[in-house]
Amino acid sequence: MATHHVTPHRTQPQPFHKPSLYEAIFALNRDMGLVIDDFNRLREFRFSRRYIDAFIVKMEELRSFANGELLERQQNREEKDSFHFSNLDRRFEQRFKDPNDVLIDAKRRQEQIAAEEQAILLRADRIRRQRAAEKRHDDNGGTVVEPE
């Protein structure tokens, strides 16, 4: 009896244990490093340096290609997970949010705006004083006259 299974759309992120994936990638890199070490040990037996170097380059190329492909795919998964868990976190935050938090946030924002306005006014005042000093300097034929 033949059954046709269709892979359902992913409703939950990461159908596998993440640490296992990263451990497998680590093991792959470690083992490829051991192969490279073995090639380096073969130099002791007077094999052609050119061939040993070529084999090492091939291993490094394979390792970097594998890492790139695996991590690029995993990056997409991690971004989906980040989005998913960010949404869950936001829902939990909203569920437990204190209604007074809105008032506290509004007060903090007002204080922030007031501080920004004060900084702008101070900058504008500094610019005005600088321009006035430059004007006095120009009016006096280039000599500096200190304000009284």
N, C-alpha and C. Protein backbone atom coordinates (compact mmCIF):
# COMPACT_ATOMS: atom_id res chain seq x y z
N MET A 1 0.85 -1.17 0.00
CA MET A 1 0.00 0.00 0.00
C MET A 1 0.90 1.23 0.00
N ALA A 2 0.75 2.01 -1.00
CA ALA A 2 1.58 3.21 -1.14
C ALA A 2 0.88 4.39 -0.50
N THR A 3 1.62 5.10 0.29
CA THR A 3 1.08 6.33 0.87
C THR A 3 1.97 7.47 0.44
N HIS A 4 1.35 8.55 0.16
CA HIS A 4 2.09 9.73 -0.25
C HIS A 4 2.08 10.71 0.90
N HIS A 5 3.23 10.92 1.47
CA HIS A 5 3.34 11.86 2.58
C HIS A 5 3.83 13.20 2.04
N VAL A 6 3.18 14.20 2.47
CA VAL A 6 3.60 15.55 2.13
C VAL A 6 4.16 16.16 3.41
N THR A 7 5.33 16.69 3.31
CA THR A 7 5.93 17.32 4.48
C THR A 7 5.11 18.55 4.83
N PRO A 8 4.56 18.59 6.05
CA PRO A 8 3.76 19.76 6.43
C PRO A 8 4.64 20.99 6.60
N HIS A 9 4.01 22.15 6.48
CA HIS A 9 4.74 23.39 6.72
C HIS A 9 5.19 23.42 8.17
N ARG A 10 6.32 23.99 8.38
CA ARG A 10 6.89 24.05 9.71
C ARG A 10 6.09 25.02 10.57
N THR A 11 5.52 24.50 11.65
CA THR A 11 4.78 25.38 12.56
C THR A 11 5.64 25.76 13.75
N GLN A 12 6.55 24.90 14.10
CA GLN A 12 7.46 25.17 15.21
C GLN A 12 8.88 25.24 14.67
N PRO A 13 9.64 26.21 15.09
CA PRO A 13 11.02 26.31 14.63
C PRO A 13 11.86 25.14 15.12
N GLN A 14 12.91 24.85 14.40
CA GLN A 14 13.92 23.87 14.75
C GLN A 14 13.35 22.51 15.15
N PRO A 15 13.13 21.64 14.19
CA PRO A 15 12.63 20.31 14.52
C PRO A 15 13.72 19.42 15.12
N PHE A 16 14.90 19.94 15.33
CA PHE A 16 16.00 19.17 15.89
C PHE A 16 16.65 19.96 17.01
N HIS A 17 17.45 19.28 17.75
CA HIS A 17 18.13 19.86 18.91
C HIS A 17 19.30 20.70 18.42
N LYS A 18 19.25 22.01 18.62
CA LYS A 18 20.28 22.92 18.11
C LYS A 18 21.70 22.57 18.56
N PRO A 19 21.91 22.31 19.84
CA PRO A 19 23.28 21.99 20.24
C PRO A 19 23.86 20.81 19.45
N SER A 20 23.01 19.83 19.10
CA SER A 20 23.50 18.69 18.33
C SER A 20 24.01 19.12 16.97
N LEU A 21 23.31 20.05 16.35
CA LEU A 21 23.74 20.55 15.05
C LEU A 21 25.10 21.23 15.16
N TYR A 22 25.23 22.14 16.13
CA TYR A 22 26.49 22.85 16.28
C TYR A 22 27.63 21.91 16.70
N GLU A 23 27.30 20.90 17.49
CA GLU A 23 28.32 19.90 17.85
C GLU A 23 28.76 19.12 16.63
N ALA A 24 27.82 18.80 15.73
CA ALA A 24 28.17 18.06 14.51
C ALA A 24 29.06 18.91 13.61
N ILE A 25 28.76 20.20 13.50
CA ILE A 25 29.61 21.09 12.69
C ILE A 25 31.00 21.20 13.32
N PHE A 26 31.03 21.30 14.65
CA PHE A 26 32.32 21.33 15.35
C PHE A 26 33.11 20.05 15.07
N ALA A 27 32.44 18.89 15.17
CA ALA A 27 33.12 17.61 14.95
C ALA A 27 33.65 17.52 13.52
N LEU A 28 32.87 17.99 12.57
CA LEU A 28 33.30 17.99 11.17
C LEU A 28 34.59 18.80 11.02
N ASN A 29 34.61 20.00 11.60
CA ASN A 29 35.79 20.86 11.51
C ASN A 29 36.99 20.24 12.23
N ARG A 30 36.73 19.66 13.39
CA ARG A 30 37.81 19.01 14.14
C ARG A 30 38.40 17.86 13.33
N ASP A 31 37.52 17.02 12.77
CA ASP A 31 37.99 15.85 12.03
C ASP A 31 38.72 16.25 10.75
N MET A 32 38.25 17.28 10.08
CA MET A 32 38.97 17.76 8.89
C MET A 32 40.33 18.31 9.29
N GLY A 33 40.40 18.93 10.44
CA GLY A 33 41.69 19.41 10.95
C GLY A 33 42.64 18.25 11.23
N LEU A 34 42.09 17.13 11.71
CA LEU A 34 42.92 15.95 11.96
C LEU A 34 43.47 15.39 10.66
N VAL A 35 42.65 15.40 9.61
CA VAL A 35 43.12 14.93 8.30
C VAL A 35 44.26 15.82 7.81
N ILE A 36 44.11 17.12 7.98
CA ILE A 36 45.17 18.05 7.58
C ILE A 36 46.44 17.78 8.38
N ASP A 37 46.28 17.52 9.68
CA ASP A 37 47.45 17.17 10.51
C ASP A 37 48.11 15.89 10.00
N ASP A 38 47.29 14.91 9.58
CA ASP A 38 47.84 13.67 9.04
C ASP A 38 48.64 13.93 7.76
N PHE A 39 48.12 14.79 6.90
CA PHE A 39 48.88 15.14 5.69
C PHE A 39 50.22 15.77 6.07
N ASN A 40 50.21 16.64 7.05
CA ASN A 40 51.47 17.27 7.47
C ASN A 40 52.45 16.23 8.02
N ARG A 41 51.94 15.21 8.72
CA ARG A 41 52.82 14.16 9.24
C ARG A 41 53.42 13.32 8.10
N LEU A 42 52.67 13.22 7.00
CA LEU A 42 53.17 12.45 5.86
C LEU A 42 54.40 13.09 5.22
N ARG A 43 54.62 14.36 5.51
CA ARG A 43 55.82 15.03 4.99
C ARG A 43 57.10 14.33 5.50
N GLU A 44 57.01 13.75 6.69
CA GLU A 44 58.17 13.06 7.27
C GLU A 44 58.64 11.90 6.39
N PHE A 45 57.73 11.36 5.59
CA PHE A 45 58.05 10.20 4.76
C PHE A 45 58.46 10.60 3.35
N ARG A 46 58.81 11.86 3.22
CA ARG A 46 59.36 12.40 1.99
C ARG A 46 58.42 12.27 0.79
N PHE A 47 57.14 12.42 1.04
CA PHE A 47 56.22 12.54 -0.08
C PHE A 47 56.40 13.92 -0.68
N SER A 48 56.03 14.06 -1.91
CA SER A 48 56.20 15.33 -2.61
C SER A 48 55.46 16.44 -1.86
N ARG A 49 56.20 17.48 -1.53
CA ARG A 49 55.62 18.63 -0.82
C ARG A 49 54.49 19.23 -1.65
N ARG A 50 54.67 19.24 -2.97
CA ARG A 50 53.68 19.82 -3.86
C ARG A 50 52.34 19.08 -3.72
N TYR A 51 52.38 17.75 -3.67
CA TYR A 51 51.14 16.99 -3.54
C TYR A 51 50.52 17.17 -2.15
N ILE A 52 51.35 17.13 -1.13
CA ILE A 52 50.83 17.31 0.24
C ILE A 52 50.16 18.68 0.35
N ASP A 53 50.82 19.72 -0.15
CA ASP A 53 50.23 21.06 -0.11
C ASP A 53 48.91 21.11 -0.88
N ALA A 54 48.87 20.43 -2.03
CA ALA A 54 47.64 20.41 -2.84
C ALA A 54 46.51 19.71 -2.08
N PHE A 55 46.84 18.60 -1.40
CA PHE A 55 45.81 17.89 -0.63
C PHE A 55 45.29 18.75 0.52
N ILE A 56 46.20 19.44 1.18
CA ILE A 56 45.80 20.31 2.30
C ILE A 56 44.91 21.44 1.79
N VAL A 57 45.28 22.02 0.66
CA VAL A 57 44.45 23.09 0.08
C VAL A 57 43.06 22.56 -0.26
N LYS A 58 43.00 21.34 -0.82
CA LYS A 58 41.69 20.74 -1.15
C LYS A 58 40.86 20.55 0.12
N MET A 59 41.49 20.08 1.19
CA MET A 59 40.76 19.88 2.45
C MET A 59 40.26 21.20 3.01
N GLU A 60 41.11 22.22 2.98
CA GLU A 60 40.69 23.53 3.49
C GLU A 60 39.57 24.11 2.64
N GLU A 61 39.66 23.90 1.32
CA GLU A 61 38.59 24.38 0.44
C GLU A 61 37.29 23.66 0.77
N LEU A 62 37.34 22.34 0.94
CA LEU A 62 36.15 21.57 1.27
C LEU A 62 35.58 22.01 2.61
N ARG A 63 36.46 22.21 3.59
CA ARG A 63 36.00 22.63 4.92
C ARG A 63 35.31 23.99 4.85
N SER A 64 35.92 24.94 4.15
CA SER A 64 35.32 26.28 4.09
C SER A 64 34.02 26.26 3.29
N PHE A 65 33.97 25.46 2.23
CA PHE A 65 32.73 25.36 1.45
C PHE A 65 31.62 24.75 2.30
N ALA A 66 31.94 23.65 3.00
CA ALA A 66 30.94 23.00 3.85
C ALA A 66 30.46 23.94 4.95
N ASN A 67 31.39 24.62 5.62
CA ASN A 67 31.01 25.57 6.68
C ASN A 67 30.11 26.66 6.12
N GLY A 68 30.49 27.20 4.97
CA GLY A 68 29.70 28.28 4.37
C GLY A 68 28.28 27.84 4.06
N GLU A 69 28.14 26.67 3.44
CA GLU A 69 26.81 26.18 3.08
C GLU A 69 25.99 25.84 4.32
N LEU A 70 26.59 25.14 5.26
CA LEU A 70 25.86 24.74 6.46
C LEU A 70 25.44 25.95 7.29
N LEU A 71 26.36 26.88 7.47
CA LEU A 71 26.06 28.03 8.32
C LEU A 71 25.12 29.02 7.63
N GLU A 72 25.20 29.11 6.30
CA GLU A 72 24.25 29.98 5.60
C GLU A 72 22.82 29.45 5.77
N ARG A 73 22.67 28.15 5.63
CA ARG A 73 21.34 27.56 5.81
C ARG A 73 20.89 27.72 7.27
N GLN A 74 21.81 27.51 8.19
CA GLN A 74 21.46 27.65 9.61
C GLN A 74 21.13 29.09 9.96
N GLN A 75 21.80 30.04 9.31
CA GLN A 75 21.50 31.45 9.58
C GLN A 75 20.04 31.74 9.25
N ASN A 76 19.55 31.21 8.13
CA ASN A 76 18.14 31.41 7.78
C ASN A 76 17.23 30.82 8.85
N ARG A 77 17.59 29.65 9.35
CA ARG A 77 16.79 29.02 10.41
C ARG A 77 16.82 29.87 11.68
N GLU A 78 18.02 30.36 12.01
CA GLU A 78 18.15 31.16 13.23
C GLU A 78 17.34 32.45 13.13
N GLU A 79 17.33 33.06 11.96
CA GLU A 79 16.54 34.29 11.78
C GLU A 79 15.05 34.00 11.93
N LYS A 80 14.59 32.87 11.39
CA LYS A 80 13.18 32.49 11.56
C LYS A 80 12.88 32.24 13.03
N ASP A 81 13.80 31.55 13.71
CA ASP A 81 13.61 31.30 15.14
C ASP A 81 13.58 32.61 15.92
N SER A 82 14.46 33.50 15.58
CA SER A 82 14.51 34.79 16.28
C SER A 82 13.19 35.52 16.13
N PHE A 83 12.65 35.53 14.93
CA PHE A 83 11.37 36.18 14.68
C PHE A 83 10.26 35.50 15.48
N HIS A 84 10.24 34.17 15.43
CA HIS A 84 9.21 33.39 16.13
C HIS A 84 9.25 33.66 17.64
N PHE A 85 10.45 33.56 18.22
CA PHE A 85 10.55 33.72 19.67
C PHE A 85 10.39 35.17 20.10
N SER A 86 10.73 36.09 19.23
CA SER A 86 10.49 37.51 19.51
C SER A 86 8.99 37.77 19.61
N ASN A 87 8.23 37.17 18.70
CA ASN A 87 6.77 37.31 18.76
C ASN A 87 6.21 36.69 20.04
N LEU A 88 6.70 35.51 20.39
CA LEU A 88 6.23 34.88 21.63
C LEU A 88 6.57 35.75 22.84
N ASP A 89 7.78 36.28 22.87
CA ASP A 89 8.20 37.12 23.98
C ASP A 89 7.32 38.35 24.08
N ARG A 90 7.01 38.96 22.94
CA ARG A 90 6.16 40.16 22.95
C ARG A 90 4.78 39.82 23.52
N ARG A 91 4.25 38.65 23.15
CA ARG A 91 2.94 38.25 23.70
C ARG A 91 3.00 38.08 25.21
N PHE A 92 4.07 37.44 25.70
CA PHE A 92 4.20 37.28 27.15
C PHE A 92 4.34 38.63 27.83
N GLU A 93 5.14 39.51 27.25
CA GLU A 93 5.32 40.84 27.83
C GLU A 93 3.98 41.58 27.91
N GLN A 94 3.19 41.49 26.86
CA GLN A 94 1.89 42.18 26.85
C GLN A 94 0.95 41.58 27.89
N ARG A 95 1.02 40.27 28.04
CA ARG A 95 0.14 39.60 28.99
C ARG A 95 0.42 40.04 30.43
N PHE A 96 1.70 40.25 30.74
CA PHE A 96 2.07 40.57 32.11
C PHE A 96 2.37 42.05 32.32
N LYS A 97 2.08 42.87 31.33
CA LYS A 97 2.42 44.28 31.41
C LYS A 97 1.50 45.00 32.40
N ASP A 98 2.09 45.82 33.21
CA ASP A 98 1.35 46.63 34.18
C ASP A 98 0.78 47.84 33.44
N PRO A 99 -0.51 48.14 33.61
CA PRO A 99 -1.09 49.31 32.93
C PRO A 99 -0.36 50.60 33.28
N ASN A 100 0.24 50.67 34.46
CA ASN A 100 0.97 51.87 34.85
C ASN A 100 2.28 52.03 34.07
N ASP A 101 2.74 50.94 33.44
CA ASP A 101 3.97 51.02 32.65
C ASP A 101 3.84 52.04 31.53
N VAL A 102 2.65 52.18 30.97
CA VAL A 102 2.43 53.15 29.89
C VAL A 102 2.69 54.56 30.41
N LEU A 103 2.21 54.83 31.62
CA LEU A 103 2.42 56.16 32.20
C LEU A 103 3.90 56.39 32.50
N ILE A 104 4.56 55.36 33.00
CA ILE A 104 5.99 55.48 33.29
C ILE A 104 6.76 55.72 32.00
N ASP A 105 6.42 54.96 30.94
CA ASP A 105 7.09 55.14 29.64
C ASP A 105 6.85 56.54 29.09
N ALA A 106 5.62 57.04 29.25
CA ALA A 106 5.31 58.39 28.74
C ALA A 106 6.13 59.44 29.49
N LYS A 107 6.26 59.27 30.81
CA LYS A 107 7.04 60.24 31.59
C LYS A 107 8.51 60.20 31.17
N ARG A 108 9.05 59.00 30.97
CA ARG A 108 10.45 58.88 30.52
C ARG A 108 10.64 59.55 29.17
N ARG A 109 9.67 59.36 28.28
CA ARG A 109 9.76 59.96 26.95
C ARG A 109 9.71 61.49 27.04
N GLN A 110 8.86 62.02 27.91
CA GLN A 110 8.80 63.48 28.10
C GLN A 110 10.14 64.01 28.61
N GLU A 111 10.74 63.29 29.55
CA GLU A 111 12.04 63.70 30.08
C GLU A 111 13.11 63.65 28.99
N GLN A 112 13.04 62.63 28.16
CA GLN A 112 14.00 62.50 27.06
C GLN A 112 13.84 63.65 26.07
N ILE A 113 12.60 63.98 25.72
CA ILE A 113 12.34 65.09 24.79
C ILE A 113 12.83 66.40 25.39
N ALA A 114 12.57 66.62 26.68
CA ALA A 114 13.02 67.85 27.34
C ALA A 114 14.55 67.95 27.31
N ALA A 115 15.22 66.84 27.55
CA ALA A 115 16.69 66.84 27.52
C ALA A 115 17.20 67.14 26.11
N GLU A 116 16.54 66.57 25.10
CA GLU A 116 16.94 66.83 23.71
C GLU A 116 16.72 68.30 23.35
N GLU A 117 15.59 68.86 23.79
CA GLU A 117 15.32 70.28 23.52
C GLU A 117 16.36 71.16 24.19
N GLN A 118 16.72 70.84 25.42
CA GLN A 118 17.73 71.61 26.15
C GLN A 118 19.07 71.56 25.43
N ALA A 119 19.43 70.39 24.94
CA ALA A 119 20.70 70.25 24.21
C ALA A 119 20.68 71.08 22.93
N ILE A 120 19.55 71.10 22.24
CA ILE A 120 19.42 71.89 21.01
C ILE A 120 19.54 73.38 21.33
N LEU A 121 18.88 73.82 22.40
CA LEU A 121 18.96 75.23 22.78
C LEU A 121 20.39 75.63 23.15
N LEU A 122 21.10 74.76 23.86
CA LEU A 122 22.49 75.05 24.22
C LEU A 122 23.36 75.15 22.97
N ARG A 123 23.15 74.23 22.02
CA ARG A 123 23.92 74.29 20.77
C ARG A 123 23.62 75.56 20.00
N ALA A 124 22.33 75.93 19.93
CA ALA A 124 21.94 77.15 19.22
C ALA A 124 22.56 78.38 19.88
N ASP A 125 22.57 78.42 21.21
CA ASP A 125 23.17 79.54 21.93
C ASP A 125 24.67 79.63 21.65
N ARG A 126 25.35 78.47 21.64
CA ARG A 126 26.78 78.44 21.33
C ARG A 126 27.05 78.97 19.92
N ILE A 127 26.22 78.56 18.98
CA ILE A 127 26.38 79.02 17.59
C ILE A 127 26.17 80.52 17.50
N ARG A 128 25.14 81.04 18.20
CA ARG A 128 24.88 82.49 18.20
C ARG A 128 26.08 83.26 18.75
N ARG A 129 26.62 82.78 19.88
CA ARG A 129 27.78 83.46 20.47
C ARG A 129 29.00 83.39 19.55
N GLN A 130 29.17 82.26 18.90
CA GLN A 130 30.31 82.11 17.99
C GLN A 130 30.16 83.05 16.79
N ARG A 131 28.96 83.15 16.24
CA ARG A 131 28.73 84.05 15.10
C ARG A 131 28.90 85.51 15.52
N ALA A 132 28.44 85.85 16.72
CA ALA A 132 28.60 87.22 17.20
C ALA A 132 30.09 87.54 17.36
N ALA A 133 30.86 86.60 17.88
CA ALA A 133 32.29 86.81 18.04
C ALA A 133 32.96 86.96 16.68
N GLU A 134 32.55 86.16 15.72
CA GLU A 134 33.11 86.27 14.37
C GLU A 134 32.76 87.61 13.75
N LYS A 135 31.52 88.08 13.98
CA LYS A 135 31.09 89.37 13.43
C LYS A 135 31.91 90.50 14.05
N ARG A 136 32.11 90.46 15.37
CA ARG A 136 32.93 91.48 16.03
C ARG A 136 34.35 91.45 15.49
N HIS A 137 34.84 90.27 15.26
CA HIS A 137 36.19 90.10 14.73
C HIS A 137 36.29 90.73 13.35
N ASP A 138 35.30 90.49 12.50
CA ASP A 138 35.29 91.06 11.15
C ASP A 138 35.09 92.58 11.19
N ASP A 139 34.22 93.07 12.09
CA ASP A 139 33.94 94.50 12.19
C ASP A 139 35.16 95.29 12.68
N ASN A 140 36.03 94.65 13.41
CA ASN A 140 37.21 95.33 13.96
C ASN A 140 38.45 95.11 13.09
N GLY A 141 38.24 94.72 11.88
CA GLY A 141 39.37 94.56 10.97
C GLY A 141 40.27 93.40 11.31
N GLY A 142 39.72 92.38 11.90
CA GLY A 142 40.51 91.20 12.18
C GLY A 142 41.07 91.14 13.57
N THR A 143 40.91 92.17 14.38
CA THR A 143 41.42 92.11 15.75
C THR A 143 40.35 91.53 16.64
N VAL A 144 40.77 90.76 17.58
CA VAL A 144 39.83 90.11 18.48
C VAL A 144 39.47 91.07 19.60
N VAL A 145 38.17 91.27 19.78
CA VAL A 145 37.68 92.11 20.87
C VAL A 145 36.81 91.23 21.74
N GLU A 146 37.18 91.14 22.99
CA GLU A 146 36.41 90.33 23.93
C GLU A 146 35.14 91.06 24.31
N PRO A 147 34.03 90.35 24.42
CA PRO A 147 32.78 90.99 24.84
C PRO A 147 32.87 91.44 26.28
N GLU A 148 32.15 92.52 26.57
CA GLU A 148 32.19 93.07 27.93
C GLU A 148 31.21 92.39 28.82
